[in-house]
Amino acid sequence: MVNKDDLDLLRAEDDLVCVLRTSNMAQIMVVRSILESAGIPHAVHGDKVLRMMSPLSPVPYCGDTIWSAAVYVRRQDYEEASQLLQENPIEEIDE
């Protein structure tokens, strides 16, 4: 489920695309901060389940974990969001 606060930033008719999928809650928080600082509306799907599961050991599943969350932006913001994430690498952020 997408957070209600995120829905306030986006409209039902917005065409959303995924800019990040991860099981690392710290990465999600940093990405949200980057996007918010740039004024890019976004939504996170799956972060509540991830927060509940984070104290537990990740369950391996095809090289990742079963539990993950995704950050979505509007299609028209995708290029800018992708560029910002390339300029601010998050791969090395640990929980």
PDB file of N, CA and C in Angstrom:
ATOM      1  N   MET A   1       0.840  -1.176   0.000  1.00  0.00           N
ATOM      2  CA  MET A   1       0.000   0.000   0.000  1.00  0.00           C
ATOM      3  C   MET A   1       0.890   1.246   0.000  1.00  0.00           C
ATOM      4  N   VAL A   2       0.493   2.252  -0.741  1.00  0.00           N
ATOM      5  CA  VAL A   2       1.230   3.506  -0.815  1.00  0.00           C
ATOM      6  C   VAL A   2       0.827   4.376   0.367  1.00  0.00           C
ATOM      7  N   ASN A   3       1.796   5.068   0.962  1.00  0.00           N
ATOM      8  CA  ASN A   3       1.517   5.944   2.101  1.00  0.00           C
ATOM      9  C   ASN A   3       0.543   7.044   1.714  1.00  0.00           C
ATOM     10  N   LYS A   4      -0.408   7.362   2.602  1.00  0.00           N
ATOM     11  CA  LYS A   4      -1.390   8.408   2.343  1.00  0.00           C
ATOM     12  C   LYS A   4      -0.715   9.751   2.129  1.00  0.00           C
ATOM     13  N   ASP A   5       0.331  10.042   2.887  1.00  0.00           N
ATOM     14  CA  ASP A   5       1.040  11.314   2.707  1.00  0.00           C
ATOM     15  C   ASP A   5       1.628  11.422   1.307  1.00  0.00           C
ATOM     16  N   ASP A   6       2.108  10.297   0.766  1.00  0.00           N
ATOM     17  CA  ASP A   6       2.654  10.299  -0.582  1.00  0.00           C
ATOM     18  C   ASP A   6       1.564  10.549  -1.614  1.00  0.00           C
ATOM     19  N   LEU A   7       0.370  10.015  -1.361  1.00  0.00           N
ATOM     20  CA  LEU A   7      -0.726  10.194  -2.306  1.00  0.00           C
ATOM     21  C   LEU A   7      -1.109  11.661  -2.454  1.00  0.00           C
ATOM     22  N   ASP A   8      -0.913  12.447  -1.396  1.00  0.00           N
ATOM     23  CA  ASP A   8      -1.226  13.868  -1.473  1.00  0.00           C
ATOM     24  C   ASP A   8      -0.345  14.569  -2.497  1.00  0.00           C
ATOM     25  N   LEU A   9       0.851  14.028  -2.754  1.00  0.00           N
ATOM     26  CA  LEU A   9       1.771  14.638  -3.711  1.00  0.00           C
ATOM     27  C   LEU A   9       1.467  14.232  -5.147  1.00  0.00           C
ATOM     28  N   LEU A  10       0.754  13.139  -5.317  1.00  0.00           N
ATOM     29  CA  LEU A  10       0.499  12.587  -6.635  1.00  0.00           C
ATOM     30  C   LEU A  10      -0.996  12.512  -6.893  1.00  0.00           C
ATOM     31  N   ARG A  11      -1.360  12.504  -8.170  1.00  0.00           N
ATOM     32  CA  ARG A  11      -2.768  12.383  -8.553  1.00  0.00           C
ATOM     33  C   ARG A  11      -2.999  11.014  -9.168  1.00  0.00           C
ATOM     34  N   ALA A  12      -4.220  10.585  -9.132  1.00  0.00           N
ATOM     35  CA  ALA A  12      -4.567   9.260  -9.649  1.00  0.00           C
ATOM     36  C   ALA A  12      -4.191   9.126 -11.125  1.00  0.00           C
ATOM     37  N   GLU A  13      -4.237  10.214 -11.877  1.00  0.00           N
ATOM     38  CA  GLU A  13      -3.958  10.126 -13.305  1.00  0.00           C
ATOM     39  C   GLU A  13      -2.463  10.186 -13.623  1.00  0.00           C
ATOM     40  N   ASP A  14      -1.609  10.402 -12.621  1.00  0.00           N
ATOM     41  CA  ASP A  14      -0.170  10.428 -12.857  1.00  0.00           C
ATOM     42  C   ASP A  14       0.310   9.049 -13.312  1.00  0.00           C
ATOM     43  N   ASP A  15       1.182   9.048 -14.296  1.00  0.00           N
ATOM     44  CA  ASP A  15       1.786   7.827 -14.794  1.00  0.00           C
ATOM     45  C   ASP A  15       3.063   7.609 -13.991  1.00  0.00           C
ATOM     46  N   LEU A  16       3.050   6.636 -13.077  1.00  0.00           N
ATOM     47  CA  LEU A  16       4.175   6.431 -12.170  1.00  0.00           C
ATOM     48  C   LEU A  16       5.130   5.368 -12.696  1.00  0.00           C
ATOM     49  N   VAL A  17       6.423   5.594 -12.467  1.00  0.00           N
ATOM     50  CA  VAL A  17       7.447   4.623 -12.821  1.00  0.00           C
ATOM     51  C   VAL A  17       8.354   4.416 -11.611  1.00  0.00           C
ATOM     52  N   CYS A  18       8.888   3.217 -11.502  1.00  0.00           N
ATOM     53  CA  CYS A  18       9.748   2.867 -10.373  1.00  0.00           C
ATOM     54  C   CYS A  18      11.163   3.401 -10.620  1.00  0.00           C
ATOM     55  N   VAL A  19      11.681   4.135  -9.642  1.00  0.00           N
ATOM     56  CA  VAL A  19      13.035   4.667  -9.736  1.00  0.00           C
ATOM     57  C   VAL A  19      13.997   3.878  -8.844  1.00  0.00           C
ATOM     58  N   LEU A  20      13.456   3.119  -7.886  1.00  0.00           N
ATOM     59  CA  LEU A  20      14.288   2.308  -7.000  1.00  0.00           C
ATOM     60  C   LEU A  20      13.457   1.202  -6.372  1.00  0.00           C
ATOM     61  N   ARG A  21      14.030   0.003  -6.297  1.00  0.00           N
ATOM     62  CA  ARG A  21      13.440  -1.102  -5.534  1.00  0.00           C
ATOM     63  C   ARG A  21      14.562  -1.659  -4.676  1.00  0.00           C
ATOM     64  N   THR A  22      14.322  -1.744  -3.368  1.00  0.00           N
ATOM     65  CA  THR A  22      15.356  -2.207  -2.453  1.00  0.00           C
ATOM     66  C   THR A  22      14.725  -2.783  -1.193  1.00  0.00           C
ATOM     67  N   SER A  23      15.508  -3.584  -0.495  1.00  0.00           N
ATOM     68  CA  SER A  23      15.080  -4.090   0.804  1.00  0.00           C
ATOM     69  C   SER A  23      15.810  -3.341   1.922  1.00  0.00           C
ATOM     70  N   ASN A  24      16.536  -2.282   1.572  1.00  0.00           N
ATOM     71  CA  ASN A  24      17.320  -1.503   2.525  1.00  0.00           C
ATOM     72  C   ASN A  24      16.547  -0.230   2.892  1.00  0.00           C
ATOM     73  N   MET A  25      16.000  -0.199   4.104  1.00  0.00           N
ATOM     74  CA  MET A  25      15.183   0.932   4.545  1.00  0.00           C
ATOM     75  C   MET A  25      15.999   2.228   4.596  1.00  0.00           C
ATOM     76  N   ALA A  26      17.277   2.142   4.933  1.00  0.00           N
ATOM     77  CA  ALA A  26      18.119   3.338   4.970  1.00  0.00           C
ATOM     78  C   ALA A  26      18.240   3.961   3.578  1.00  0.00           C
ATOM     79  N   GLN A  27      18.359   3.127   2.542  1.00  0.00           N
ATOM     80  CA  GLN A  27      18.433   3.634   1.174  1.00  0.00           C
ATOM     81  C   GLN A  27      17.141   4.348   0.793  1.00  0.00           C
ATOM     82  N   ILE A  28      16.025   3.783   1.193  1.00  0.00           N
ATOM     83  CA  ILE A  28      14.736   4.409   0.882  1.00  0.00           C
ATOM     84  C   ILE A  28      14.645   5.782   1.536  1.00  0.00           C
ATOM     85  N   MET A  29      15.070   5.882   2.780  1.00  0.00           N
ATOM     86  CA  MET A  29      15.002   7.167   3.483  1.00  0.00           C
ATOM     87  C   MET A  29      15.896   8.212   2.812  1.00  0.00           C
ATOM     88  N   VAL A  30      17.082   7.804   2.360  1.00  0.00           N
ATOM     89  CA  VAL A  30      17.985   8.742   1.682  1.00  0.00           C
ATOM     90  C   VAL A  30      17.395   9.172   0.342  1.00  0.00           C
ATOM     91  N   VAL A  31      16.847   8.225  -0.417  1.00  0.00           N
ATOM     92  CA  VAL A  31      16.244   8.555  -1.713  1.00  0.00           C
ATOM     93  C   VAL A  31      15.071   9.507  -1.525  1.00  0.00           C
ATOM     94  N   ARG A  32      14.243   9.252  -0.537  1.00  0.00           N
ATOM     95  CA  ARG A  32      13.118  10.163  -0.263  1.00  0.00           C
ATOM     96  C   ARG A  32      13.633  11.566   0.023  1.00  0.00           C
ATOM     97  N   SER A  33      14.690  11.663   0.816  1.00  0.00           N
ATOM     98  CA  SER A  33      15.273  12.963   1.146  1.00  0.00           C
ATOM     99  C   SER A  33      15.795  13.671  -0.098  1.00  0.00           C
ATOM    100  N   ILE A  34      16.480  12.932  -0.966  1.00  0.00           N
ATOM    101  CA  ILE A  34      17.011  13.513  -2.213  1.00  0.00           C
ATOM    102  C   ILE A  34      15.871  14.033  -3.078  1.00  0.00           C
ATOM    103  N   LEU A  35      14.841  13.213  -3.247  1.00  0.00           N
ATOM    104  CA  LEU A  35      13.713  13.616  -4.091  1.00  0.00           C
ATOM    105  C   LEU A  35      12.950  14.788  -3.493  1.00  0.00           C
ATOM    106  N   GLU A  36      12.737  14.772  -2.177  1.00  0.00           N
ATOM    107  CA  GLU A  36      12.039  15.875  -1.517  1.00  0.00           C
ATOM    108  C   GLU A  36      12.828  17.176  -1.664  1.00  0.00           C
ATOM    109  N   SER A  37      14.148  17.108  -1.502  1.00  0.00           N
ATOM    110  CA  SER A  37      14.988  18.303  -1.632  1.00  0.00           C
ATOM    111  C   SER A  37      14.912  18.891  -3.029  1.00  0.00           C
ATOM    112  N   ALA A  38      14.726  18.029  -4.027  1.00  0.00           N
ATOM    113  CA  ALA A  38      14.633  18.481  -5.411  1.00  0.00           C
ATOM    114  C   ALA A  38      13.209  18.873  -5.793  1.00  0.00           C
ATOM    115  N   GLY A  39      12.261  18.671  -4.883  1.00  0.00           N
ATOM    116  CA  GLY A  39      10.868  19.011  -5.171  1.00  0.00           C
ATOM    117  C   GLY A  39      10.197  18.022  -6.109  1.00  0.00           C
ATOM    118  N   ILE A  40      10.689  16.787  -6.149  1.00  0.00           N
ATOM    119  CA  ILE A  40      10.109  15.766  -7.025  1.00  0.00           C
ATOM    120  C   ILE A  40       9.093  14.947  -6.233  1.00  0.00           C
ATOM    121  N   PRO A  41       7.821  15.008  -6.627  1.00  0.00           N
ATOM    122  CA  PRO A  41       6.804  14.195  -5.953  1.00  0.00           C
ATOM    123  C   PRO A  41       7.120  12.709  -6.130  1.00  0.00           C
ATOM    124  N   HIS A  42       6.890  11.938  -5.103  1.00  0.00           N
ATOM    125  CA  HIS A  42       7.196  10.514  -5.158  1.00  0.00           C
ATOM    126  C   HIS A  42       6.276   9.750  -4.212  1.00  0.00           C
ATOM    127  N   ALA A  43       6.249   8.449  -4.396  1.00  0.00           N
ATOM    128  CA  ALA A  43       5.476   7.569  -3.521  1.00  0.00           C
ATOM    129  C   ALA A  43       6.318   6.336  -3.238  1.00  0.00           C
ATOM    130  N   VAL A  44       6.177   5.807  -2.032  1.00  0.00           N
ATOM    131  CA  VAL A  44       6.885   4.591  -1.648  1.00  0.00           C
ATOM    132  C   VAL A  44       5.846   3.505  -1.405  1.00  0.00           C
ATOM    133  N   HIS A  45       6.074   2.359  -2.005  1.00  0.00           N
ATOM    134  CA  HIS A  45       5.169   1.224  -1.845  1.00  0.00           C
ATOM    135  C   HIS A  45       5.926   0.081  -1.174  1.00  0.00           C
ATOM    136  N   GLY A  46       5.394  -0.434  -0.067  1.00  0.00           N
ATOM    137  CA  GLY A  46       5.980  -1.582   0.598  1.00  0.00           C
ATOM    138  C   GLY A  46       6.872  -1.249   1.780  1.00  0.00           C
ATOM    139  N   ASP A  47       7.020   0.033   2.101  1.00  0.00           N
ATOM    140  CA  ASP A  47       7.934   0.387   3.190  1.00  0.00           C
ATOM    141  C   ASP A  47       7.402   0.005   4.563  1.00  0.00           C
ATOM    142  N   LYS A  48       6.091  -0.048   4.734  1.00  0.00           N
ATOM    143  CA  LYS A  48       5.550  -0.426   6.047  1.00  0.00           C
ATOM    144  C   LYS A  48       5.869  -1.879   6.368  1.00  0.00           C
ATOM    145  N   VAL A  49       5.708  -2.759   5.411  1.00  0.00           N
ATOM    146  CA  VAL A  49       6.040  -4.167   5.611  1.00  0.00           C
ATOM    147  C   VAL A  49       7.539  -4.295   5.844  1.00  0.00           C
ATOM    148  N   LEU A  50       8.326  -3.549   5.083  1.00  0.00           N
ATOM    149  CA  LEU A  50       9.778  -3.603   5.230  1.00  0.00           C
ATOM    150  C   LEU A  50      10.201  -3.146   6.624  1.00  0.00           C
ATOM    151  N   ARG A  51       9.560  -2.087   7.142  1.00  0.00           N
ATOM    152  CA  ARG A  51       9.879  -1.617   8.493  1.00  0.00           C
ATOM    153  C   ARG A  51       9.544  -2.679   9.534  1.00  0.00           C
ATOM    154  N   MET A  52       8.437  -3.380   9.335  1.00  0.00           N
ATOM    155  CA  MET A  52       8.056  -4.430  10.286  1.00  0.00           C
ATOM    156  C   MET A  52       9.031  -5.594  10.230  1.00  0.00           C
ATOM    157  N   MET A  53       9.552  -5.896   9.049  1.00  0.00           N
ATOM    158  CA  MET A  53      10.419  -7.053   8.874  1.00  0.00           C
ATOM    159  C   MET A  53      11.888  -6.742   9.123  1.00  0.00           C
ATOM    160  N   SER A  54      12.288  -5.474   9.112  1.00  0.00           N
ATOM    161  CA  SER A  54      13.710  -5.131   9.190  1.00  0.00           C
ATOM    162  C   SER A  54      14.432  -5.674  10.421  1.00  0.00           C
ATOM    163  N   PRO A  55      13.778  -5.816  11.589  1.00  0.00           N
ATOM    164  CA  PRO A  55      14.511  -6.404  12.715  1.00  0.00           C
ATOM    165  C   PRO A  55      14.852  -7.878  12.500  1.00  0.00           C
ATOM    166  N   LEU A  56      14.146  -8.529  11.583  1.00  0.00           N
ATOM    167  CA  LEU A  56      14.392  -9.940  11.312  1.00  0.00           C
ATOM    168  C   LEU A  56      15.465 -10.079  10.243  1.00  0.00           C
ATOM    169  N   SER A  57      16.096 -11.215  10.222  1.00  0.00           N
ATOM    170  CA  SER A  57      17.084 -11.471   9.177  1.00  0.00           C
ATOM    171  C   SER A  57      16.378 -11.528   7.835  1.00  0.00           C
ATOM    172  N   PRO A  58      16.999 -10.950   6.790  1.00  0.00           N
ATOM    173  CA  PRO A  58      16.371 -11.044   5.465  1.00  0.00           C
ATOM    174  C   PRO A  58      16.295 -12.495   4.999  1.00  0.00           C
ATOM    175  N   VAL A  59      15.231 -12.805   4.317  1.00  0.00           N
ATOM    176  CA  VAL A  59      15.056 -14.149   3.779  1.00  0.00           C
ATOM    177  C   VAL A  59      15.545 -14.131   2.336  1.00  0.00           C
ATOM    178  N   PRO A  60      16.572 -14.903   1.988  1.00  0.00           N
ATOM    179  CA  PRO A  60      17.081 -14.871   0.617  1.00  0.00           C
ATOM    180  C   PRO A  60      16.018 -15.300  -0.388  1.00  0.00           C
ATOM    181  N   TYR A  61      15.980 -14.617  -1.503  1.00  0.00           N
ATOM    182  CA  TYR A  61      15.032 -14.955  -2.555  1.00  0.00           C
ATOM    183  C   TYR A  61      15.569 -14.407  -3.867  1.00  0.00           C
ATOM    184  N   CYS A  62      16.095 -15.267  -4.696  1.00  0.00           N
ATOM    185  CA  CYS A  62      16.633 -14.880  -6.002  1.00  0.00           C
ATOM    186  C   CYS A  62      17.663 -13.761  -5.896  1.00  0.00           C
ATOM    187  N   GLY A  63      18.575 -13.863  -4.972  1.00  0.00           N
ATOM    188  CA  GLY A  63      19.641 -12.880  -4.863  1.00  0.00           C
ATOM    189  C   GLY A  63      19.266 -11.631  -4.109  1.00  0.00           C
ATOM    190  N   ASP A  64      18.025 -11.467  -3.763  1.00  0.00           N
ATOM    191  CA  ASP A  64      17.592 -10.292  -3.005  1.00  0.00           C
ATOM    192  C   ASP A  64      16.823 -10.828  -1.803  1.00  0.00           C
ATOM    193  N   THR A  65      15.839 -10.113  -1.352  1.00  0.00           N
ATOM    194  CA  THR A  65      14.994 -10.626  -0.289  1.00  0.00           C
ATOM    195  C   THR A  65      13.555 -10.606  -0.760  1.00  0.00           C
ATOM    196  N   ILE A  66      12.745 -11.352  -0.078  1.00  0.00           N
ATOM    197  CA  ILE A  66      11.314 -11.359  -0.390  1.00  0.00           C
ATOM    198  C   ILE A  66      10.731  -9.980  -0.105  1.00  0.00           C
ATOM    199  N   TRP A  67      11.208  -9.357   0.962  1.00  0.00           N
ATOM    200  CA  TRP A  67      10.661  -8.085   1.410  1.00  0.00           C
ATOM    201  C   TRP A  67      11.404  -6.939   0.737  1.00  0.00           C
ATOM    202  N   SER A  68      10.695  -6.127  -0.012  1.00  0.00           N
ATOM    203  CA  SER A  68      11.312  -4.956  -0.627  1.00  0.00           C
ATOM    204  C   SER A  68      10.265  -3.859  -0.757  1.00  0.00           C
ATOM    205  N   ALA A  69      10.753  -2.678  -0.994  1.00  0.00           N
ATOM    206  CA  ALA A  69       9.879  -1.530  -1.214  1.00  0.00           C
ATOM    207  C   ALA A  69      10.329  -0.857  -2.498  1.00  0.00           C
ATOM    208  N   ALA A  70       9.430  -0.103  -3.090  1.00  0.00           N
ATOM    209  CA  ALA A  70       9.732   0.593  -4.338  1.00  0.00           C
ATOM    210  C   ALA A  70       9.398   2.075  -4.198  1.00  0.00           C
ATOM    211  N   VAL A  71      10.237   2.903  -4.801  1.00  0.00           N
ATOM    212  CA  VAL A  71      10.010   4.347  -4.839  1.00  0.00           C
ATOM    213  C   VAL A  71       9.568   4.689  -6.259  1.00  0.00           C
ATOM    214  N   TYR A  72       8.429   5.348  -6.367  1.00  0.00           N
ATOM    215  CA  TYR A  72       7.864   5.724  -7.659  1.00  0.00           C
ATOM    216  C   TYR A  72       7.867   7.236  -7.828  1.00  0.00           C
ATOM    217  N   VAL A  73       8.094   7.672  -9.067  1.00  0.00           N
ATOM    218  CA  VAL A  73       7.990   9.089  -9.429  1.00  0.00           C
ATOM    219  C   VAL A  73       7.117   9.185 -10.675  1.00  0.00           C
ATOM    220  N   ARG A  74       6.671  10.403 -10.964  1.00  0.00           N
ATOM    221  CA  ARG A  74       5.910  10.605 -12.195  1.00  0.00           C
ATOM    222  C   ARG A  74       6.839  10.400 -13.390  1.00  0.00           C
ATOM    223  N   ARG A  75       6.285   9.866 -14.473  1.00  0.00           N
ATOM    224  CA  ARG A  75       7.086   9.604 -15.671  1.00  0.00           C
ATOM    225  C   ARG A  75       7.842  10.849 -16.121  1.00  0.00           C
ATOM    226  N   GLN A  76       7.216  12.019 -16.033  1.00  0.00           N
ATOM    227  CA  GLN A  76       7.891  13.244 -16.486  1.00  0.00           C
ATOM    228  C   GLN A  76       9.053  13.644 -15.568  1.00  0.00           C
ATOM    229  N   ASP A  77       9.111  13.087 -14.362  1.00  0.00           N
ATOM    230  CA  ASP A  77      10.205  13.385 -13.429  1.00  0.00           C
ATOM    231  C   ASP A  77      11.275  12.299 -13.401  1.00  0.00           C
ATOM    232  N   TYR A  78      11.060  11.225 -14.156  1.00  0.00           N
ATOM    233  CA  TYR A  78      11.945  10.071 -14.079  1.00  0.00           C
ATOM    234  C   TYR A  78      13.400  10.405 -14.425  1.00  0.00           C
ATOM    235  N   GLU A  79      13.622  11.116 -15.521  1.00  0.00           N
ATOM    236  CA  GLU A  79      14.996  11.435 -15.941  1.00  0.00           C
ATOM    237  C   GLU A  79      15.722  12.252 -14.875  1.00  0.00           C
ATOM    238  N   GLU A  80      15.052  13.271 -14.339  1.00  0.00           N
ATOM    239  CA  GLU A  80      15.671  14.099 -13.302  1.00  0.00           C
ATOM    240  C   GLU A  80      15.950  13.278 -12.042  1.00  0.00           C
ATOM    241  N   ALA A  81      14.995  12.453 -11.647  1.00  0.00           N
ATOM    242  CA  ALA A  81      15.173  11.618 -10.456  1.00  0.00           C
ATOM    243  C   ALA A  81      16.324  10.634 -10.651  1.00  0.00           C
ATOM    244  N   SER A  82      16.385  10.005 -11.803  1.00  0.00           N
ATOM    245  CA  SER A  82      17.465   9.061 -12.098  1.00  0.00           C
ATOM    246  C   SER A  82      18.817   9.751 -12.070  1.00  0.00           C
ATOM    247  N   GLN A  83      18.883  10.948 -12.643  1.00  0.00           N
ATOM    248  CA  GLN A  83      20.132  11.705 -12.645  1.00  0.00           C
ATOM    249  C   GLN A  83      20.567  12.039 -11.216  1.00  0.00           C
ATOM    250  N   LEU A  84      19.623  12.468 -10.385  1.00  0.00           N
ATOM    251  CA  LEU A  84      19.942  12.778  -8.989  1.00  0.00           C
ATOM    252  C   LEU A  84      20.466  11.553  -8.244  1.00  0.00           C
ATOM    253  N   LEU A  85      19.879  10.400  -8.503  1.00  0.00           N
ATOM    254  CA  LEU A  85      20.314   9.186  -7.824  1.00  0.00           C
ATOM    255  C   LEU A  85      21.679   8.723  -8.328  1.00  0.00           C
ATOM    256  N   GLN A  86      21.987   8.998  -9.589  1.00  0.00           N
ATOM    257  CA  GLN A  86      23.323   8.677 -10.105  1.00  0.00           C
ATOM    258  C   GLN A  86      24.368   9.604  -9.496  1.00  0.00           C
ATOM    259  N   GLU A  87      24.001  10.860  -9.271  1.00  0.00           N
ATOM    260  CA  GLU A  87      24.922  11.837  -8.682  1.00  0.00           C
ATOM    261  C   GLU A  87      25.126  11.600  -7.182  1.00  0.00           C
ATOM    262  N   ASN A  88      24.171  10.923  -6.563  1.00  0.00           N
ATOM    263  CA  ASN A  88      24.221  10.648  -5.113  1.00  0.00           C
ATOM    264  C   ASN A  88      24.073   9.138  -4.912  1.00  0.00           C
ATOM    265  N   PRO A  89      25.148   8.380  -5.151  1.00  0.00           N
ATOM    266  CA  PRO A  89      25.041   6.919  -5.057  1.00  0.00           C
ATOM    267  C   PRO A  89      24.593   6.462  -3.675  1.00  0.00           C
ATOM    268  N   ILE A  90      23.691   5.481  -3.677  1.00  0.00           N
ATOM    269  CA  ILE A  90      23.157   4.985  -2.401  1.00  0.00           C
ATOM    270  C   ILE A  90      23.491   3.520  -2.169  1.00  0.00           C
ATOM    271  N   GLU A  91      24.188   2.872  -3.098  1.00  0.00           N
ATOM    272  CA  GLU A  91      24.450   1.439  -3.009  1.00  0.00           C
ATOM    273  C   GLU A  91      25.208   1.053  -1.738  1.00  0.00           C
ATOM    274  N   GLU A  92      26.042   1.947  -1.236  1.00  0.00           N
ATOM    275  CA  GLU A  92      26.886   1.583  -0.111  1.00  0.00           C
ATOM    276  C   GLU A  92      26.279   1.956   1.240  1.00  0.00           C
ATOM    277  N   ILE A  93      25.057   2.407   1.252  1.00  0.00           N
ATOM    278  CA  ILE A  93      24.392   2.758   2.503  1.00  0.00           C
ATOM    279  C   ILE A  93      23.913   1.482   3.178  1.00  0.00           C
ATOM    280  N   ASP A  94      24.357   1.285   4.413  1.00  0.00           N
ATOM    281  CA  ASP A  94      23.926   0.116   5.179  1.00  0.00           C
ATOM    282  C   ASP A  94      22.860   0.536   6.181  1.00  0.00           C
ATOM    283  N   GLU A  95      22.066  -0.458   6.585  1.00  0.00           N
ATOM    284  CA  GLU A  95      21.042  -0.175   7.589  1.00  0.00           C
ATOM    285  C   GLU A  95      21.668  -0.071   8.952  1.00  0.00           C
TER     286      GLU A  95
END
